[in-house]
Amino acid sequence: MDITKNTGHQEGDVAKAIESQTAKIPSDAFLWTSVASMGVSLAFKLAGHKHTALFIGQWAAPFLLLGIYNKIVKTQGHD
């Protein structure tokens, strides 16, 4: 049984278009964007803007998740 092939379902046109565009972005871009959001968050925290710092600091995790998605699309491809 080959579990790597998805023969029952196919991606939609929108998903294929998004994956073809995100695969062009280097994986490092997501890592550095995440680190930058943490740095900007720290700067806002030090400047006394607590709520803005928390808002921007929460961007790090989604950027890292997008990086993981990008890496999966690059290595596994899409339907």
PDB file of N, CA and C in Angstrom:
ATOM      1  N   MET A   1       0.835  -1.180   0.000  1.00  0.00           N
ATOM      2  CA  MET A   1       0.000   0.000   0.000  1.00  0.00           C
ATOM      3  C   MET A   1       0.879   1.242   0.000  1.00  0.00           C
ATOM      4  N   ASP A   2       0.708   2.078  -0.987  1.00  0.00           N
ATOM      5  CA  ASP A   2       1.505   3.297  -1.119  1.00  0.00           C
ATOM      6  C   ASP A   2       0.719   4.461  -0.522  1.00  0.00           C
ATOM      7  N   ILE A   3       1.173   4.967   0.626  1.00  0.00           N
ATOM      8  CA  ILE A   3       0.443   6.048   1.295  1.00  0.00           C
ATOM      9  C   ILE A   3       0.899   7.427   0.845  1.00  0.00           C
ATOM     10  N   THR A   4       1.887   7.513  -0.026  1.00  0.00           N
ATOM     11  CA  THR A   4       2.376   8.812  -0.464  1.00  0.00           C
ATOM     12  C   THR A   4       1.556   9.403  -1.601  1.00  0.00           C
ATOM     13  N   LYS A   5       0.797   8.591  -2.294  1.00  0.00           N
ATOM     14  CA  LYS A   5      -0.028   9.074  -3.400  1.00  0.00           C
ATOM     15  C   LYS A   5      -1.459   9.277  -2.937  1.00  0.00           C
ATOM     16  N   ASN A   6      -2.038  10.384  -3.329  1.00  0.00           N
ATOM     17  CA  ASN A   6      -3.420  10.681  -3.005  1.00  0.00           C
ATOM     18  C   ASN A   6      -4.224  10.500  -4.281  1.00  0.00           C
ATOM     19  N   THR A   7      -4.718   9.305  -4.480  1.00  0.00           N
ATOM     20  CA  THR A   7      -5.433   9.014  -5.722  1.00  0.00           C
ATOM     21  C   THR A   7      -6.912   9.341  -5.644  1.00  0.00           C
ATOM     22  N   GLY A   8      -7.453   9.523  -4.440  1.00  0.00           N
ATOM     23  CA  GLY A   8      -8.871   9.757  -4.286  1.00  0.00           C
ATOM     24  C   GLY A   8      -9.295  11.208  -4.442  1.00  0.00           C
ATOM     25  N   HIS A   9      -8.398  12.136  -4.186  1.00  0.00           N
ATOM     26  CA  HIS A   9      -8.768  13.548  -4.191  1.00  0.00           C
ATOM     27  C   HIS A   9      -7.705  14.350  -4.935  1.00  0.00           C
ATOM     28  N   GLN A  10      -8.145  15.458  -5.516  1.00  0.00           N
ATOM     29  CA  GLN A  10      -7.211  16.341  -6.199  1.00  0.00           C
ATOM     30  C   GLN A  10      -7.374  17.752  -5.676  1.00  0.00           C
ATOM     31  N   GLU A  11      -6.305  18.517  -5.796  1.00  0.00           N
ATOM     32  CA  GLU A  11      -6.334  19.913  -5.365  1.00  0.00           C
ATOM     33  C   GLU A  11      -7.186  20.730  -6.311  1.00  0.00           C
ATOM     34  N   GLY A  12      -7.774  21.792  -5.777  1.00  0.00           N
ATOM     35  CA  GLY A  12      -8.535  22.712  -6.602  1.00  0.00           C
ATOM     36  C   GLY A  12      -7.612  23.666  -7.345  1.00  0.00           C
ATOM     37  N   ASP A  13      -8.172  24.416  -8.257  1.00  0.00           N
ATOM     38  CA  ASP A  13      -7.375  25.345  -9.052  1.00  0.00           C
ATOM     39  C   ASP A  13      -6.744  26.435  -8.202  1.00  0.00           C
ATOM     40  N   VAL A  14      -7.455  26.903  -7.188  1.00  0.00           N
ATOM     41  CA  VAL A  14      -6.918  27.960  -6.323  1.00  0.00           C
ATOM     42  C   VAL A  14      -5.716  27.442  -5.542  1.00  0.00           C
ATOM     43  N   ALA A  15      -5.828  26.254  -4.975  1.00  0.00           N
ATOM     44  CA  ALA A  15      -4.718  25.673  -4.212  1.00  0.00           C
ATOM     45  C   ALA A  15      -3.503  25.457  -5.108  1.00  0.00           C
ATOM     46  N   LYS A  16      -3.718  24.983  -6.321  1.00  0.00           N
ATOM     47  CA  LYS A  16      -2.601  24.785  -7.248  1.00  0.00           C
ATOM     48  C   LYS A  16      -1.920  26.107  -7.575  1.00  0.00           C
ATOM     49  N   ALA A  17      -2.711  27.155  -7.771  1.00  0.00           N
ATOM     50  CA  ALA A  17      -2.145  28.471  -8.088  1.00  0.00           C
ATOM     51  C   ALA A  17      -1.344  29.022  -6.909  1.00  0.00           C
ATOM     52  N   ILE A  18      -1.870  28.874  -5.701  1.00  0.00           N
ATOM     53  CA  ILE A  18      -1.155  29.350  -4.512  1.00  0.00           C
ATOM     54  C   ILE A  18       0.138  28.577  -4.321  1.00  0.00           C
ATOM     55  N   GLU A  19       0.080  27.259  -4.452  1.00  0.00           N
ATOM     56  CA  GLU A  19       1.269  26.433  -4.264  1.00  0.00           C
ATOM     57  C   GLU A  19       2.333  26.723  -5.308  1.00  0.00           C
ATOM     58  N   SER A  20       1.930  26.987  -6.544  1.00  0.00           N
ATOM     59  CA  SER A  20       2.929  27.278  -7.576  1.00  0.00           C
ATOM     60  C   SER A  20       3.622  28.615  -7.307  1.00  0.00           C
ATOM     61  N   GLN A  21       2.918  29.554  -6.687  1.00  0.00           N
ATOM     62  CA  GLN A  21       3.531  30.840  -6.363  1.00  0.00           C
ATOM     63  C   GLN A  21       4.373  30.766  -5.091  1.00  0.00           C
ATOM     64  N   THR A  22       3.873  30.097  -4.052  1.00  0.00           N
ATOM     65  CA  THR A  22       4.626  30.026  -2.801  1.00  0.00           C
ATOM     66  C   THR A  22       5.881  29.174  -2.938  1.00  0.00           C
ATOM     67  N   ALA A  23       5.894  28.231  -3.866  1.00  0.00           N
ATOM     68  CA  ALA A  23       7.080  27.404  -4.071  1.00  0.00           C
ATOM     69  C   ALA A  23       8.246  28.228  -4.615  1.00  0.00           C
ATOM     70  N   LYS A  24       7.964  29.386  -5.165  1.00  0.00           N
ATOM     71  CA  LYS A  24       9.018  30.260  -5.695  1.00  0.00           C
ATOM     72  C   LYS A  24       9.736  31.036  -4.596  1.00  0.00           C
ATOM     73  N   ILE A  25       9.138  31.127  -3.413  1.00  0.00           N
ATOM     74  CA  ILE A  25       9.721  31.894  -2.309  1.00  0.00           C
ATOM     75  C   ILE A  25      10.752  31.032  -1.598  1.00  0.00           C
ATOM     76  N   PRO A  26      11.971  31.571  -1.369  1.00  0.00           N
ATOM     77  CA  PRO A  26      12.977  30.794  -0.638  1.00  0.00           C
ATOM     78  C   PRO A  26      12.508  30.492   0.784  1.00  0.00           C
ATOM     79  N   SER A  27      12.826  29.325   1.284  1.00  0.00           N
ATOM     80  CA  SER A  27      12.406  28.922   2.631  1.00  0.00           C
ATOM     81  C   SER A  27      12.982  29.846   3.694  1.00  0.00           C
ATOM     82  N   ASP A  28      14.170  30.373   3.472  1.00  0.00           N
ATOM     83  CA  ASP A  28      14.786  31.282   4.433  1.00  0.00           C
ATOM     84  C   ASP A  28      13.974  32.553   4.635  1.00  0.00           C
ATOM     85  N   ALA A  29      13.220  32.960   3.636  1.00  0.00           N
ATOM     86  CA  ALA A  29      12.435  34.193   3.743  1.00  0.00           C
ATOM     87  C   ALA A  29      11.430  34.100   4.893  1.00  0.00           C
ATOM     88  N   PHE A  30      10.814  32.950   5.072  1.00  0.00           N
ATOM     89  CA  PHE A  30       9.841  32.787   6.152  1.00  0.00           C
ATOM     90  C   PHE A  30      10.524  32.811   7.513  1.00  0.00           C
ATOM     91  N   LEU A  31      11.704  32.194   7.613  1.00  0.00           N
ATOM     92  CA  LEU A  31      12.450  32.206   8.870  1.00  0.00           C
ATOM     93  C   LEU A  31      12.859  33.623   9.240  1.00  0.00           C
ATOM     94  N   TRP A  32      13.423  34.352   8.297  1.00  0.00           N
ATOM     95  CA  TRP A  32      13.886  35.712   8.585  1.00  0.00           C
ATOM     96  C   TRP A  32      12.721  36.664   8.844  1.00  0.00           C
ATOM     97  N   THR A  33      11.599  36.448   8.186  1.00  0.00           N
ATOM     98  CA  THR A  33      10.419  37.268   8.455  1.00  0.00           C
ATOM     99  C   THR A  33       9.919  37.020   9.876  1.00  0.00           C
ATOM    100  N   SER A  34       9.971  35.784  10.318  1.00  0.00           N
ATOM    101  CA  SER A  34       9.569  35.449  11.677  1.00  0.00           C
ATOM    102  C   SER A  34      10.499  36.102  12.700  1.00  0.00           C
ATOM    103  N   VAL A  35      11.788  36.009  12.458  1.00  0.00           N
ATOM    104  CA  VAL A  35      12.761  36.632  13.364  1.00  0.00           C
ATOM    105  C   VAL A  35      12.583  38.154  13.372  1.00  0.00           C
ATOM    106  N   ALA A  36      12.326  38.728  12.204  1.00  0.00           N
ATOM    107  CA  ALA A  36      12.105  40.175  12.123  1.00  0.00           C
ATOM    108  C   ALA A  36      10.873  40.592  12.911  1.00  0.00           C
ATOM    109  N   SER A  37       9.815  39.806  12.846  1.00  0.00           N
ATOM    110  CA  SER A  37       8.607  40.165  13.599  1.00  0.00           C
ATOM    111  C   SER A  37       8.876  40.122  15.104  1.00  0.00           C
ATOM    112  N   MET A  38       9.713  39.190  15.532  1.00  0.00           N
ATOM    113  CA  MET A  38      10.070  39.151  16.950  1.00  0.00           C
ATOM    114  C   MET A  38      10.906  40.366  17.333  1.00  0.00           C
ATOM    115  N   GLY A  39      11.816  40.771  16.452  1.00  0.00           N
ATOM    116  CA  GLY A  39      12.636  41.952  16.715  1.00  0.00           C
ATOM    117  C   GLY A  39      11.815  43.232  16.766  1.00  0.00           C
ATOM    118  N   VAL A  40      10.897  43.374  15.823  1.00  0.00           N
ATOM    119  CA  VAL A  40      10.022  44.551  15.806  1.00  0.00           C
ATOM    120  C   VAL A  40       9.129  44.552  17.044  1.00  0.00           C
ATOM    121  N   SER A  41       8.664  43.389  17.432  1.00  0.00           N
ATOM    122  CA  SER A  41       7.854  43.275  18.644  1.00  0.00           C
ATOM    123  C   SER A  41       8.650  43.726  19.865  1.00  0.00           C
ATOM    124  N   LEU A  42       9.889  43.302  19.954  1.00  0.00           N
ATOM    125  CA  LEU A  42      10.749  43.719  21.067  1.00  0.00           C
ATOM    126  C   LEU A  42      10.944  45.235  21.069  1.00  0.00           C
ATOM    127  N   ALA A  43      11.148  45.802  19.893  1.00  0.00           N
ATOM    128  CA  ALA A  43      11.327  47.258  19.802  1.00  0.00           C
ATOM    129  C   ALA A  43      10.079  47.998  20.288  1.00  0.00           C
ATOM    130  N   PHE A  44       8.903  47.518  19.902  1.00  0.00           N
ATOM    131  CA  PHE A  44       7.669  48.152  20.379  1.00  0.00           C
ATOM    132  C   PHE A  44       7.507  47.977  21.888  1.00  0.00           C
ATOM    133  N   LYS A  45       7.886  46.822  22.398  1.00  0.00           N
ATOM    134  CA  LYS A  45       7.789  46.573  23.839  1.00  0.00           C
ATOM    135  C   LYS A  45       8.695  47.527  24.600  1.00  0.00           C
ATOM    136  N   LEU A  46       9.925  47.703  24.113  1.00  0.00           N
ATOM    137  CA  LEU A  46      10.860  48.612  24.769  1.00  0.00           C
ATOM    138  C   LEU A  46      10.410  50.066  24.660  1.00  0.00           C
ATOM    139  N   ALA A  47       9.669  50.387  23.609  1.00  0.00           N
ATOM    140  CA  ALA A  47       9.163  51.749  23.417  1.00  0.00           C
ATOM    141  C   ALA A  47       7.884  51.990  24.221  1.00  0.00           C
ATOM    142  N   GLY A  48       7.386  50.961  24.894  1.00  0.00           N
ATOM    143  CA  GLY A  48       6.213  51.127  25.736  1.00  0.00           C
ATOM    144  C   GLY A  48       4.884  50.870  25.056  1.00  0.00           C
ATOM    145  N   HIS A  49       4.902  50.327  23.850  1.00  0.00           N
ATOM    146  CA  HIS A  49       3.665  50.016  23.117  1.00  0.00           C
ATOM    147  C   HIS A  49       3.345  48.531  23.289  1.00  0.00           C
ATOM    148  N   LYS A  50       2.800  48.201  24.469  1.00  0.00           N
ATOM    149  CA  LYS A  50       2.595  46.804  24.841  1.00  0.00           C
ATOM    150  C   LYS A  50       1.659  46.063  23.886  1.00  0.00           C
ATOM    151  N   HIS A  51       0.516  46.644  23.567  1.00  0.00           N
ATOM    152  CA  HIS A  51      -0.464  45.953  22.732  1.00  0.00           C
ATOM    153  C   HIS A  51       0.033  45.760  21.298  1.00  0.00           C
ATOM    154  N   THR A  52       0.710  46.755  20.763  1.00  0.00           N
ATOM    155  CA  THR A  52       1.283  46.623  19.420  1.00  0.00           C
ATOM    156  C   THR A  52       2.370  45.553  19.414  1.00  0.00           C
ATOM    157  N   ALA A  53       3.176  45.516  20.468  1.00  0.00           N
ATOM    158  CA  ALA A  53       4.228  44.504  20.576  1.00  0.00           C
ATOM    159  C   ALA A  53       3.645  43.101  20.599  1.00  0.00           C
ATOM    160  N   LEU A  54       2.558  42.922  21.346  1.00  0.00           N
ATOM    161  CA  LEU A  54       1.920  41.609  21.398  1.00  0.00           C
ATOM    162  C   LEU A  54       1.325  41.231  20.044  1.00  0.00           C
ATOM    163  N   PHE A  55       0.709  42.201  19.379  1.00  0.00           N
ATOM    164  CA  PHE A  55       0.099  41.944  18.073  1.00  0.00           C
ATOM    165  C   PHE A  55       1.154  41.501  17.058  1.00  0.00           C
ATOM    166  N   ILE A  56       2.234  42.238  16.957  1.00  0.00           N
ATOM    167  CA  ILE A  56       3.277  41.911  15.982  1.00  0.00           C
ATOM    168  C   ILE A  56       4.041  40.657  16.396  1.00  0.00           C
ATOM    169  N   GLY A  57       4.220  40.443  17.676  1.00  0.00           N
ATOM    170  CA  GLY A  57       4.912  39.247  18.156  1.00  0.00           C
ATOM    171  C   GLY A  57       4.185  37.967  17.802  1.00  0.00           C
ATOM    172  N   GLN A  58       2.872  38.052  17.650  1.00  0.00           N
ATOM    173  CA  GLN A  58       2.100  36.863  17.298  1.00  0.00           C
ATOM    174  C   GLN A  58       2.239  36.485  15.829  1.00  0.00           C
ATOM    175  N   TRP A  59       2.876  37.309  15.037  1.00  0.00           N
ATOM    176  CA  TRP A  59       3.071  36.992  13.624  1.00  0.00           C
ATOM    177  C   TRP A  59       4.136  35.927  13.417  1.00  0.00           C
ATOM    178  N   ALA A  60       5.024  35.724  14.386  1.00  0.00           N
ATOM    179  CA  ALA A  60       6.143  34.791  14.207  1.00  0.00           C
ATOM    180  C   ALA A  60       5.664  33.372  13.904  1.00  0.00           C
ATOM    181  N   ALA A  61       4.718  32.872  14.675  1.00  0.00           N
ATOM    182  CA  ALA A  61       4.246  31.495  14.483  1.00  0.00           C
ATOM    183  C   ALA A  61       3.604  31.274  13.108  1.00  0.00           C
ATOM    184  N   PRO A  62       2.713  32.169  12.635  1.00  0.00           N
ATOM    185  CA  PRO A  62       2.167  31.949  11.289  1.00  0.00           C
ATOM    186  C   PRO A  62       3.231  31.978  10.190  1.00  0.00           C
ATOM    187  N   PHE A  63       4.227  32.850  10.333  1.00  0.00           N
ATOM    188  CA  PHE A  63       5.300  32.868   9.331  1.00  0.00           C
ATOM    189  C   PHE A  63       6.056  31.548   9.320  1.00  0.00           C
ATOM    190  N   LEU A  64       6.316  30.981  10.504  1.00  0.00           N
ATOM    191  CA  LEU A  64       7.003  29.692  10.559  1.00  0.00           C
ATOM    192  C   LEU A  64       6.133  28.576   9.984  1.00  0.00           C
ATOM    193  N   LEU A  65       4.832  28.628  10.240  1.00  0.00           N
ATOM    194  CA  LEU A  65       3.931  27.628   9.661  1.00  0.00           C
ATOM    195  C   LEU A  65       3.871  27.745   8.144  1.00  0.00           C
ATOM    196  N   LEU A  66       3.872  28.966   7.633  1.00  0.00           N
ATOM    197  CA  LEU A  66       3.912  29.147   6.180  1.00  0.00           C
ATOM    198  C   LEU A  66       5.217  28.596   5.608  1.00  0.00           C
ATOM    199  N   GLY A  67       6.309  28.753   6.347  1.00  0.00           N
ATOM    200  CA  GLY A  67       7.584  28.192   5.909  1.00  0.00           C
ATOM    201  C   GLY A  67       7.546  26.677   5.841  1.00  0.00           C
ATOM    202  N   ILE A  68       6.896  26.057   6.815  1.00  0.00           N
ATOM    203  CA  ILE A  68       6.747  24.596   6.798  1.00  0.00           C
ATOM    204  C   ILE A  68       5.899  24.167   5.604  1.00  0.00           C
ATOM    205  N   TYR A  69       4.811  24.879   5.372  1.00  0.00           N
ATOM    206  CA  TYR A  69       3.956  24.572   4.223  1.00  0.00           C
ATOM    207  C   TYR A  69       4.746  24.715   2.924  1.00  0.00           C
ATOM    208  N   ASN A  70       5.526  25.770   2.833  1.00  0.00           N
ATOM    209  CA  ASN A  70       6.354  26.014   1.649  1.00  0.00           C
ATOM    210  C   ASN A  70       7.317  24.848   1.432  1.00  0.00           C
ATOM    211  N   LYS A  71       7.955  24.404   2.498  1.00  0.00           N
ATOM    212  CA  LYS A  71       8.926  23.310   2.398  1.00  0.00           C
ATOM    213  C   LYS A  71       8.237  22.013   1.969  1.00  0.00           C
ATOM    214  N   ILE A  72       7.057  21.754   2.494  1.00  0.00           N
ATOM    215  CA  ILE A  72       6.317  20.540   2.103  1.00  0.00           C
ATOM    216  C   ILE A  72       5.945  20.599   0.627  1.00  0.00           C
ATOM    217  N   VAL A  73       5.467  21.755   0.169  1.00  0.00           N
ATOM    218  CA  VAL A  73       5.107  21.889  -1.233  1.00  0.00           C
ATOM    219  C   VAL A  73       6.328  21.684  -2.133  1.00  0.00           C
ATOM    220  N   LYS A  74       7.477  22.202  -1.710  1.00  0.00           N
ATOM    221  CA  LYS A  74       8.692  22.048  -2.517  1.00  0.00           C
ATOM    222  C   LYS A  74       9.170  20.603  -2.561  1.00  0.00           C
ATOM    223  N   THR A  75       9.074  19.902  -1.426  1.00  0.00           N
ATOM    224  CA  THR A  75       9.615  18.539  -1.400  1.00  0.00           C
ATOM    225  C   THR A  75       8.609  17.496  -1.869  1.00  0.00           C
ATOM    226  N   GLN A  76       7.336  17.659  -1.537  1.00  0.00           N
ATOM    227  CA  GLN A  76       6.324  16.670  -1.888  1.00  0.00           C
ATOM    228  C   GLN A  76       5.553  17.018  -3.146  1.00  0.00           C
ATOM    229  N   GLY A  77       5.582  18.280  -3.523  1.00  0.00           N
ATOM    230  CA  GLY A  77       4.827  18.705  -4.692  1.00  0.00           C
ATOM    231  C   GLY A  77       3.349  18.786  -4.379  1.00  0.00           C
ATOM    232  N   HIS A  78       2.574  18.984  -5.409  1.00  0.00           N
ATOM    233  CA  HIS A  78       1.122  19.005  -5.264  1.00  0.00           C
ATOM    234  C   HIS A  78       0.528  18.109  -6.319  1.00  0.00           C
ATOM    235  N   ASP A  79      -0.767  17.863  -6.222  1.00  0.00           N
ATOM    236  CA  ASP A  79      -1.438  16.933  -7.147  1.00  0.00           C
ATOM    237  C   ASP A  79      -1.335  17.382  -8.593  1.00  0.00           C
TER     238      ASP A  79
END
